[in-house]
N, C-alpha and C. Protein backbone atom coordinates (compact mmCIF):
# COMPACT_ATOMS: atom_id res chain seq x y z
N UNK A 1 55.67 81.85 158.29
CA UNK A 1 55.75 80.57 158.96
C UNK A 1 56.98 79.83 158.43
N UNK A 2 57.66 79.17 159.32
CA UNK A 2 58.78 78.31 158.95
C UNK A 2 58.51 76.90 159.44
N UNK A 3 58.91 75.94 158.63
CA UNK A 3 58.70 74.55 158.99
C UNK A 3 59.72 73.69 158.25
N UNK A 4 60.21 72.66 158.91
CA UNK A 4 61.10 71.71 158.26
C UNK A 4 60.24 70.59 157.69
N UNK A 5 60.42 70.32 156.41
CA UNK A 5 59.61 69.33 155.71
C UNK A 5 60.54 68.33 155.04
N UNK A 6 60.19 67.06 155.18
CA UNK A 6 61.00 65.97 154.63
C UNK A 6 60.46 65.57 153.26
N UNK A 7 61.34 65.68 152.26
CA UNK A 7 61.00 65.25 150.89
C UNK A 7 61.98 64.16 150.51
N UNK A 8 61.48 62.98 150.24
CA UNK A 8 62.30 61.85 149.82
C UNK A 8 63.49 61.64 150.76
N UNK A 9 63.21 61.68 152.06
CA UNK A 9 64.23 61.38 153.06
C UNK A 9 65.16 62.52 153.40
N UNK A 10 64.97 63.69 152.79
CA UNK A 10 65.84 64.82 153.09
C UNK A 10 65.02 65.96 153.68
N UNK A 11 65.53 66.54 154.76
CA UNK A 11 64.84 67.65 155.42
C UNK A 11 65.19 68.98 154.78
N UNK A 12 64.14 69.77 154.52
CA UNK A 12 64.31 71.12 153.99
C UNK A 12 63.57 72.09 154.90
N UNK A 13 64.23 73.17 155.25
CA UNK A 13 63.55 74.23 155.97
C UNK A 13 62.84 75.08 154.93
N UNK A 14 61.53 75.31 155.14
CA UNK A 14 60.73 76.13 154.23
C UNK A 14 60.18 77.33 155.00
N UNK A 15 60.06 78.42 154.29
CA UNK A 15 59.53 79.64 154.89
C UNK A 15 58.56 80.29 153.92
N UNK A 16 57.46 80.79 154.48
CA UNK A 16 56.48 81.52 153.68
C UNK A 16 56.17 82.84 154.38
N UNK A 17 56.16 83.89 153.59
CA UNK A 17 55.85 85.23 154.10
C UNK A 17 55.09 85.98 153.01
N UNK A 18 54.84 87.24 153.24
CA UNK A 18 54.18 88.04 152.21
C UNK A 18 55.03 88.08 150.94
N UNK A 19 56.34 87.98 151.08
CA UNK A 19 57.25 88.02 149.94
C UNK A 19 57.14 86.77 149.05
N UNK A 20 56.75 85.66 149.61
CA UNK A 20 56.75 84.38 148.89
C UNK A 20 55.97 84.45 147.58
N UNK A 21 54.82 85.09 147.60
CA UNK A 21 54.01 85.20 146.38
C UNK A 21 54.77 85.91 145.26
N UNK A 22 55.52 86.96 145.62
CA UNK A 22 56.28 87.72 144.63
C UNK A 22 57.47 86.91 144.12
N UNK A 23 58.13 86.20 145.03
CA UNK A 23 59.25 85.35 144.63
C UNK A 23 58.78 84.25 143.68
N UNK A 24 57.62 83.69 143.96
CA UNK A 24 57.05 82.64 143.12
C UNK A 24 56.72 83.20 141.74
N UNK A 25 56.13 84.38 141.70
CA UNK A 25 55.79 85.02 140.42
C UNK A 25 57.06 85.31 139.62
N UNK A 26 58.10 85.78 140.29
CA UNK A 26 59.37 86.04 139.62
C UNK A 26 59.99 84.76 139.08
N UNK A 27 59.87 83.67 139.82
CA UNK A 27 60.48 82.39 139.44
C UNK A 27 59.71 81.71 138.31
N UNK A 28 58.37 81.78 138.37
CA UNK A 28 57.55 80.97 137.46
C UNK A 28 56.74 81.78 136.45
N UNK A 29 56.48 83.04 136.76
CA UNK A 29 55.60 83.84 135.91
C UNK A 29 54.13 83.58 136.18
N UNK A 30 53.84 82.78 137.21
CA UNK A 30 52.45 82.44 137.54
C UNK A 30 52.08 82.94 138.94
N UNK A 31 50.79 82.95 139.22
CA UNK A 31 50.28 83.32 140.53
C UNK A 31 50.32 82.11 141.46
N UNK A 32 51.02 82.26 142.58
CA UNK A 32 51.08 81.18 143.55
C UNK A 32 49.69 80.88 144.13
N UNK A 33 48.91 81.90 144.38
CA UNK A 33 47.57 81.70 144.93
C UNK A 33 46.69 80.89 143.99
N UNK A 34 46.75 81.21 142.70
CA UNK A 34 45.96 80.45 141.73
C UNK A 34 46.44 79.01 141.67
N UNK A 35 47.75 78.81 141.66
CA UNK A 35 48.28 77.45 141.61
C UNK A 35 47.89 76.64 142.84
N UNK A 36 47.93 77.26 144.01
CA UNK A 36 47.53 76.56 145.24
C UNK A 36 46.04 76.25 145.21
N UNK A 37 45.25 77.19 144.74
CA UNK A 37 43.81 76.94 144.62
C UNK A 37 43.55 75.75 143.71
N UNK A 38 44.25 75.69 142.59
CA UNK A 38 44.11 74.56 141.67
C UNK A 38 44.51 73.25 142.33
N UNK A 39 45.55 73.27 143.15
CA UNK A 39 46.02 72.06 143.84
C UNK A 39 45.00 71.54 144.84
N UNK A 40 44.22 72.43 145.43
CA UNK A 40 43.26 72.03 146.45
C UNK A 40 42.16 71.14 145.90
N UNK A 41 41.96 71.16 144.60
CA UNK A 41 40.92 70.34 143.99
C UNK A 41 41.42 68.97 143.55
N UNK A 42 42.70 68.69 143.81
CA UNK A 42 43.29 67.42 143.42
C UNK A 42 43.11 66.41 144.55
N UNK A 43 42.60 65.23 144.21
CA UNK A 43 42.45 64.15 145.17
C UNK A 43 43.77 63.39 145.23
N UNK A 44 44.57 63.69 146.24
CA UNK A 44 45.92 63.12 146.32
C UNK A 44 45.90 61.60 146.45
N UNK A 45 44.85 61.05 147.04
CA UNK A 45 44.80 59.59 147.23
C UNK A 45 44.63 58.86 145.90
N UNK A 46 43.96 59.48 144.94
CA UNK A 46 43.71 58.84 143.65
C UNK A 46 44.49 59.51 142.51
N UNK A 47 45.52 60.25 142.86
CA UNK A 47 46.25 61.04 141.87
C UNK A 47 46.91 60.18 140.81
N UNK A 48 47.35 58.99 141.15
CA UNK A 48 48.07 58.15 140.20
C UNK A 48 47.19 57.69 139.04
N UNK A 49 45.87 57.88 139.17
CA UNK A 49 44.94 57.48 138.13
C UNK A 49 44.86 58.49 136.99
N UNK A 50 45.33 59.72 137.21
CA UNK A 50 45.23 60.76 136.19
C UNK A 50 46.61 61.36 135.92
N UNK A 51 47.25 60.90 134.86
CA UNK A 51 48.63 61.29 134.59
C UNK A 51 48.78 62.75 134.21
N UNK A 52 47.78 63.37 133.56
CA UNK A 52 47.87 64.78 133.21
C UNK A 52 47.91 65.65 134.47
N UNK A 53 47.03 65.35 135.40
CA UNK A 53 47.01 66.10 136.66
C UNK A 53 48.28 65.83 137.44
N UNK A 54 48.73 64.59 137.42
CA UNK A 54 49.96 64.21 138.13
C UNK A 54 51.15 65.00 137.60
N UNK A 55 51.26 65.13 136.31
CA UNK A 55 52.34 65.88 135.68
C UNK A 55 52.33 67.34 136.13
N UNK A 56 51.17 67.95 136.08
CA UNK A 56 51.02 69.35 136.48
C UNK A 56 51.30 69.53 137.97
N UNK A 57 50.78 68.62 138.78
CA UNK A 57 50.98 68.68 140.22
C UNK A 57 52.46 68.59 140.56
N UNK A 58 53.17 67.65 139.94
CA UNK A 58 54.61 67.50 140.18
C UNK A 58 55.32 68.83 140.03
N UNK A 59 55.14 69.43 138.88
CA UNK A 59 55.85 70.66 138.55
C UNK A 59 55.47 71.80 139.49
N UNK A 60 54.19 71.98 139.72
CA UNK A 60 53.71 73.08 140.54
C UNK A 60 54.15 72.96 141.98
N UNK A 61 53.93 71.81 142.59
CA UNK A 61 54.25 71.66 144.01
C UNK A 61 55.76 71.73 144.23
N UNK A 62 56.53 71.22 143.29
CA UNK A 62 57.99 71.31 143.42
C UNK A 62 58.46 72.76 143.29
N UNK A 63 57.82 73.53 142.43
CA UNK A 63 58.18 74.95 142.30
C UNK A 63 57.82 75.72 143.57
N UNK A 64 56.66 75.44 144.13
CA UNK A 64 56.26 76.10 145.38
C UNK A 64 57.25 75.75 146.48
N UNK A 65 57.58 74.48 146.61
CA UNK A 65 58.54 74.04 147.63
C UNK A 65 59.89 74.71 147.41
N UNK A 66 60.35 74.73 146.18
CA UNK A 66 61.65 75.31 145.86
C UNK A 66 61.74 76.78 146.28
N UNK A 67 60.72 77.56 145.95
CA UNK A 67 60.71 78.98 146.29
C UNK A 67 60.76 79.15 147.81
N UNK A 68 60.02 78.36 148.55
CA UNK A 68 60.00 78.50 150.00
C UNK A 68 61.30 78.00 150.64
N UNK A 69 61.92 77.00 150.05
CA UNK A 69 63.22 76.53 150.53
C UNK A 69 64.26 77.63 150.34
N UNK A 70 64.24 78.24 149.16
CA UNK A 70 65.17 79.34 148.87
C UNK A 70 64.93 80.52 149.83
N UNK A 71 63.66 80.80 150.12
CA UNK A 71 63.36 81.91 151.03
C UNK A 71 63.88 81.62 152.44
N UNK A 72 63.76 80.37 152.88
CA UNK A 72 64.22 80.02 154.22
C UNK A 72 65.74 80.10 154.32
N UNK A 73 66.42 79.56 153.31
CA UNK A 73 67.89 79.59 153.29
C UNK A 73 68.35 79.14 151.91
N UNK A 74 68.75 80.08 151.11
CA UNK A 74 69.07 79.76 149.72
C UNK A 74 70.31 78.87 149.57
N UNK A 75 71.01 78.60 150.66
CA UNK A 75 72.15 77.68 150.61
C UNK A 75 71.71 76.21 150.61
N UNK A 76 70.43 75.96 150.89
CA UNK A 76 69.93 74.58 150.94
C UNK A 76 69.89 73.91 149.57
N UNK A 77 69.67 74.71 148.54
CA UNK A 77 69.51 74.16 147.19
C UNK A 77 70.20 75.08 146.18
N UNK A 78 70.54 74.49 145.05
CA UNK A 78 71.09 75.28 143.95
C UNK A 78 69.95 75.72 143.05
N UNK A 79 70.03 75.34 141.80
CA UNK A 79 68.98 75.68 140.84
C UNK A 79 67.77 74.76 141.04
N UNK A 80 66.67 75.14 140.43
CA UNK A 80 65.47 74.30 140.49
C UNK A 80 65.77 72.92 139.91
N UNK A 81 66.50 72.89 138.81
CA UNK A 81 66.84 71.62 138.17
C UNK A 81 67.66 70.73 139.12
N UNK A 82 68.62 71.30 139.80
CA UNK A 82 69.42 70.52 140.76
C UNK A 82 68.57 70.01 141.91
N UNK A 83 67.66 70.85 142.38
CA UNK A 83 66.74 70.44 143.45
C UNK A 83 65.93 69.23 143.03
N UNK A 84 65.33 69.29 141.85
CA UNK A 84 64.48 68.19 141.38
C UNK A 84 65.30 66.93 141.10
N UNK A 85 66.50 67.09 140.57
CA UNK A 85 67.35 65.93 140.31
C UNK A 85 67.71 65.19 141.59
N UNK A 86 67.67 65.88 142.71
CA UNK A 86 67.99 65.26 144.00
C UNK A 86 66.84 64.48 144.62
N UNK A 87 65.69 64.47 143.94
CA UNK A 87 64.51 63.76 144.47
C UNK A 87 64.24 62.55 143.59
N UNK A 88 64.28 61.37 144.20
CA UNK A 88 64.04 60.16 143.40
C UNK A 88 62.62 59.63 143.56
N UNK A 89 61.94 59.95 144.68
CA UNK A 89 60.59 59.43 144.92
C UNK A 89 59.70 60.54 145.48
N UNK A 90 58.86 61.07 144.64
CA UNK A 90 57.97 62.16 145.05
C UNK A 90 56.77 61.65 145.83
N UNK A 91 56.28 60.47 145.49
CA UNK A 91 55.02 60.00 146.06
C UNK A 91 55.15 58.84 147.04
N UNK A 92 56.36 58.54 147.50
CA UNK A 92 56.52 57.50 148.52
C UNK A 92 55.77 57.89 149.78
N UNK A 93 55.89 59.13 150.17
CA UNK A 93 55.18 59.69 151.32
C UNK A 93 54.70 61.07 150.90
N UNK A 94 53.39 61.21 150.71
CA UNK A 94 52.85 62.46 150.18
C UNK A 94 52.57 63.51 151.26
N UNK A 95 52.89 63.23 152.51
CA UNK A 95 52.66 64.20 153.58
C UNK A 95 53.37 65.52 153.28
N UNK A 96 54.51 65.46 152.63
CA UNK A 96 55.26 66.69 152.34
C UNK A 96 54.47 67.63 151.45
N UNK A 97 53.60 67.09 150.60
CA UNK A 97 52.78 67.94 149.73
C UNK A 97 51.80 68.75 150.57
N UNK A 98 51.10 68.07 151.47
CA UNK A 98 50.16 68.77 152.35
C UNK A 98 50.87 69.79 153.23
N UNK A 99 52.03 69.41 153.78
CA UNK A 99 52.80 70.33 154.63
C UNK A 99 53.27 71.55 153.84
N UNK A 100 53.71 71.34 152.60
CA UNK A 100 54.17 72.43 151.76
C UNK A 100 53.04 73.42 151.49
N UNK A 101 51.87 72.90 151.16
CA UNK A 101 50.71 73.77 150.92
C UNK A 101 50.33 74.53 152.19
N UNK A 102 50.37 73.85 153.32
CA UNK A 102 50.06 74.50 154.60
C UNK A 102 50.99 75.68 154.87
N UNK A 103 52.27 75.49 154.66
CA UNK A 103 53.24 76.57 154.87
C UNK A 103 53.00 77.69 153.86
N UNK A 104 52.76 77.33 152.62
CA UNK A 104 52.57 78.33 151.56
C UNK A 104 51.39 79.25 151.84
N UNK A 105 50.31 78.72 152.36
CA UNK A 105 49.11 79.55 152.58
C UNK A 105 49.08 80.20 153.96
N UNK A 106 50.04 79.88 154.81
CA UNK A 106 50.00 80.39 156.19
C UNK A 106 49.94 81.91 156.29
N UNK A 107 50.67 82.69 155.49
CA UNK A 107 50.53 84.15 155.62
C UNK A 107 49.13 84.65 155.29
N UNK A 108 48.43 83.96 154.42
CA UNK A 108 47.07 84.34 154.05
C UNK A 108 46.05 83.81 155.04
N UNK A 109 46.23 82.57 155.48
CA UNK A 109 45.22 81.96 156.34
C UNK A 109 45.13 82.65 157.69
N UNK A 110 46.23 83.21 158.18
CA UNK A 110 46.19 83.94 159.45
C UNK A 110 45.31 85.17 159.32
N UNK A 111 45.46 85.90 158.25
CA UNK A 111 44.64 87.09 158.03
C UNK A 111 43.18 86.76 157.82
N UNK A 112 42.92 85.68 157.09
CA UNK A 112 41.53 85.28 156.84
C UNK A 112 40.86 84.81 158.12
N UNK A 113 41.58 84.07 158.97
CA UNK A 113 40.96 83.58 160.20
C UNK A 113 40.70 84.73 161.16
N UNK A 114 41.55 85.78 161.17
CA UNK A 114 41.31 86.94 162.02
C UNK A 114 40.06 87.67 161.57
N UNK A 115 39.85 87.76 160.23
CA UNK A 115 38.65 88.44 159.71
C UNK A 115 37.40 87.68 160.10
N UNK A 116 37.42 86.35 160.02
CA UNK A 116 36.23 85.56 160.36
C UNK A 116 35.95 85.60 161.86
N UNK A 117 37.00 85.73 162.68
CA UNK A 117 36.79 85.84 164.13
C UNK A 117 36.15 87.17 164.49
N UNK A 118 36.46 88.21 163.73
CA UNK A 118 35.93 89.55 164.01
C UNK A 118 34.45 89.63 163.67
N UNK A 119 33.97 88.78 162.75
CA UNK A 119 32.55 88.83 162.35
C UNK A 119 31.67 88.06 163.26
């Protein structure tokens, strides 16, 4: 799946495929699926009340976004550090977080929905 997502007023084309999980593991050393599962339990509306979760969420969601931006077109961003330095307001509009997660899980959700339709 490909989608253009606006982060802090800038549009980024993001892409997720079967390769994305491997690229994420290579970039971070962690499982993208586990990280996304952990993110699903975060209440984004009340996130500002818990700074530990907020810190973890920042890092994880930005890494997921970065990997998918690079997959779509690696000319959009330089290093992860440069990408993050270009963002001044992560939570002004949190729709990008939901959109990023939606794109990230799209290769999996298509397969899961086909299995449930078959049953």
